[in-house]
Protein backbone atom coordinates (compact mmCIF):
# COMPACT_ATOMS: atom_id res chain seq x y z
CA MET A 1 43.77 -25.93 -100.00
CA PRO A 2 45.77 -28.94 -99.78
CA SER A 3 44.23 -29.88 -96.52
CA GLU A 4 40.75 -29.39 -97.38
CA LEU A 5 41.56 -31.76 -100.44
CA ALA A 6 42.92 -34.42 -98.03
CA GLU A 7 39.61 -34.08 -95.85
CA LEU A 8 37.47 -34.54 -98.96
CA LYS A 9 39.49 -37.36 -100.25
CA ALA A 10 39.09 -39.02 -96.65
CA ARG A 11 35.38 -38.19 -96.27
CA TYR A 12 35.04 -39.68 -100.11
CA GLU A 13 36.74 -43.00 -98.60
CA ARG A 14 34.65 -43.19 -95.60
CA LEU A 15 31.55 -42.90 -97.61
CA LYS A 16 32.92 -45.32 -100.32
CA LEU A 17 33.57 -48.05 -97.35
CA LEU A 18 30.00 -47.53 -95.76
CA HIS A 19 28.27 -48.11 -99.44
CA GLN A 20 30.38 -51.13 -99.71
CA VAL A 21 29.44 -52.56 -96.41
CA SER A 22 25.76 -51.48 -96.93
CA SER A 23 25.59 -52.88 -100.29
CA VAL A 24 26.90 -56.64 -98.82
CA ILE A 25 24.89 -56.35 -95.80
CA HIS A 26 21.64 -55.81 -97.88
CA SER A 27 22.37 -58.16 -100.59
CA SER A 28 23.39 -60.98 -98.61
CA LEU A 29 21.48 -63.42 -96.75
CA ASP A 30 24.73 -64.66 -95.02
CA PRO A 31 25.50 -62.72 -91.84
CA ARG A 32 29.00 -64.31 -91.93
CA GLU A 33 29.94 -63.18 -95.36
CA ALA A 34 28.59 -59.25 -94.12
CA LEU A 35 30.70 -59.88 -90.74
CA ASN A 36 33.88 -61.08 -92.92
CA LEU A 37 33.36 -57.76 -95.09
CA ILE A 38 32.96 -55.51 -92.31
CA LEU A 39 36.29 -57.02 -90.57
CA SER A 40 38.13 -56.84 -93.80
CA GLU A 41 37.30 -53.27 -94.22
CA ALA A 42 38.06 -52.52 -90.86
CA VAL A 43 41.45 -54.29 -90.82
CA ARG A 44 42.20 -52.11 -93.98
CA LEU A 45 41.10 -48.93 -92.81
CA MET A 46 43.11 -49.44 -89.67
CA ARG A 47 46.07 -50.94 -91.41
CA ALA A 48 46.12 -53.76 -89.06
CA SER A 49 47.90 -57.10 -89.56
CA SER A 50 44.72 -58.85 -87.87
CA GLY A 51 41.16 -58.52 -86.54
CA SER A 52 38.21 -60.28 -85.27
CA VAL A 53 34.61 -60.04 -84.56
CA VAL A 54 33.49 -61.73 -81.36
CA LEU A 55 29.85 -61.89 -80.68
CA SER A 56 28.14 -62.70 -77.28
CA ASN A 57 26.38 -66.14 -77.16
CA PRO A 58 23.33 -65.70 -75.02
CA THR A 59 22.81 -69.40 -74.48
CA THR A 60 26.47 -70.11 -73.44
CA ASN A 61 27.17 -66.35 -72.03
CA LEU A 62 30.55 -66.91 -73.91
CA LEU A 63 32.19 -64.56 -76.39
CA GLU A 64 32.99 -66.48 -79.81
CA ILE A 65 34.85 -65.47 -82.92
CA GLU A 66 32.75 -65.25 -85.73
CA ALA A 67 35.03 -63.81 -88.16
CA PHE A 68 38.86 -63.15 -88.19
CA HIS A 69 41.68 -62.11 -90.65
CA GLY A 70 45.38 -62.63 -90.11
CA LEU A 71 44.86 -65.02 -87.21
CA PRO A 72 45.57 -69.06 -86.98
CA GLU A 73 42.97 -71.10 -87.71
CA SER A 74 42.82 -72.20 -84.45
CA ALA A 75 41.27 -68.97 -83.31
CA ALA A 76 37.89 -69.96 -84.66
CA ASN A 77 37.55 -72.47 -81.62
CA LEU A 78 38.48 -69.48 -79.17
CA LYS A 79 35.64 -68.99 -76.62
CA LEU A 80 35.95 -66.18 -73.68
CA ARG A 81 34.39 -65.48 -70.62
CA VAL A 82 33.13 -62.03 -70.33
CA GLY A 83 35.89 -60.23 -68.25
CA GLU A 84 38.54 -62.26 -70.03
CA GLY A 85 41.46 -61.09 -71.96
CA ILE A 86 41.07 -57.29 -73.56
CA THR A 87 38.05 -58.44 -75.64
CA GLY A 88 36.35 -59.68 -72.42
CA TRP A 89 37.09 -56.63 -70.44
CA VAL A 90 35.57 -54.50 -73.35
CA ALA A 91 32.66 -56.93 -73.08
CA ARG A 92 32.10 -56.30 -69.44
CA HIS A 93 32.69 -52.72 -69.41
CA GLY A 94 31.19 -51.64 -72.73
CA LYS A 95 33.93 -49.43 -73.34
CA PRO A 96 36.73 -49.23 -76.00
CA ALA A 97 40.36 -50.63 -74.87
CA ARG A 98 43.29 -49.26 -76.73
CA VAL A 99 46.58 -50.89 -75.64
CA GLY A 100 49.96 -49.85 -77.17
CA ASP A 101 51.97 -52.55 -75.71
CA VAL A 102 50.09 -55.88 -75.30
CA ALA A 103 53.24 -57.32 -73.53
CA LEU A 104 52.69 -55.15 -70.72
CA ASP A 105 49.07 -55.78 -70.28
CA PRO A 106 48.34 -58.83 -68.07
CA ARG A 107 44.82 -59.10 -69.88
CA TYR A 108 46.20 -59.88 -73.32
CA ILE A 109 45.78 -63.44 -74.59
CA ILE A 110 48.34 -64.34 -76.93
CA LEU A 111 47.11 -65.49 -80.57
CA ARG A 112 50.00 -64.35 -82.47
CA SER A 113 53.49 -63.60 -80.91
CA ASP A 114 54.10 -60.74 -83.21
CA VAL A 115 51.34 -58.53 -82.18
CA ARG A 116 52.02 -55.48 -80.48
CA SER A 117 49.17 -53.29 -79.88
CA GLU A 118 45.35 -53.85 -79.84
CA LEU A 119 42.16 -51.77 -80.49
CA ALA A 120 38.99 -53.05 -79.33
CA VAL A 121 35.51 -51.71 -79.31
CA PRO A 122 32.19 -52.85 -78.14
CA LEU A 123 29.54 -53.68 -80.91
CA GLU A 124 26.13 -52.57 -79.48
CA VAL A 125 22.42 -52.61 -80.84
CA ASN A 126 19.92 -50.59 -78.84
CA GLY A 127 22.34 -50.19 -76.05
CA GLU A 128 22.39 -53.91 -75.80
CA LEU A 129 26.37 -55.43 -76.36
CA ARG A 130 26.29 -57.88 -79.30
CA GLY A 131 29.94 -58.64 -79.43
CA VAL A 132 33.39 -56.89 -79.78
CA LEU A 133 35.40 -55.89 -82.68
CA ASN A 134 39.29 -56.25 -82.30
């Protein structure tokens, strides 16, 4: 019985999160506000210290940070080539990357010296890569 209750509570939390995100997306004309909410909720849900939404710029073919949380302000200017860093690797391969110790991964680009691990997942629309959530 306690495990069933825990499962119901987890489902409720996921549904509540989806409802919050959906409400902001449908009520906001500002895509950046929606990205910031999605990122904020993802960081909270994962109990992460930082996160970012990196979108692919079709004009420059660069990956650009559109929203970030817990990163230095200089992160706003970061632009990556597809294949560069863990984020670029995810963009190139279209597969998630989970790195347990970034100090051991040569792809890692240091934005904060206290980061120990990274989870990055591709953001796709109709099978086309649009960005990466870190």
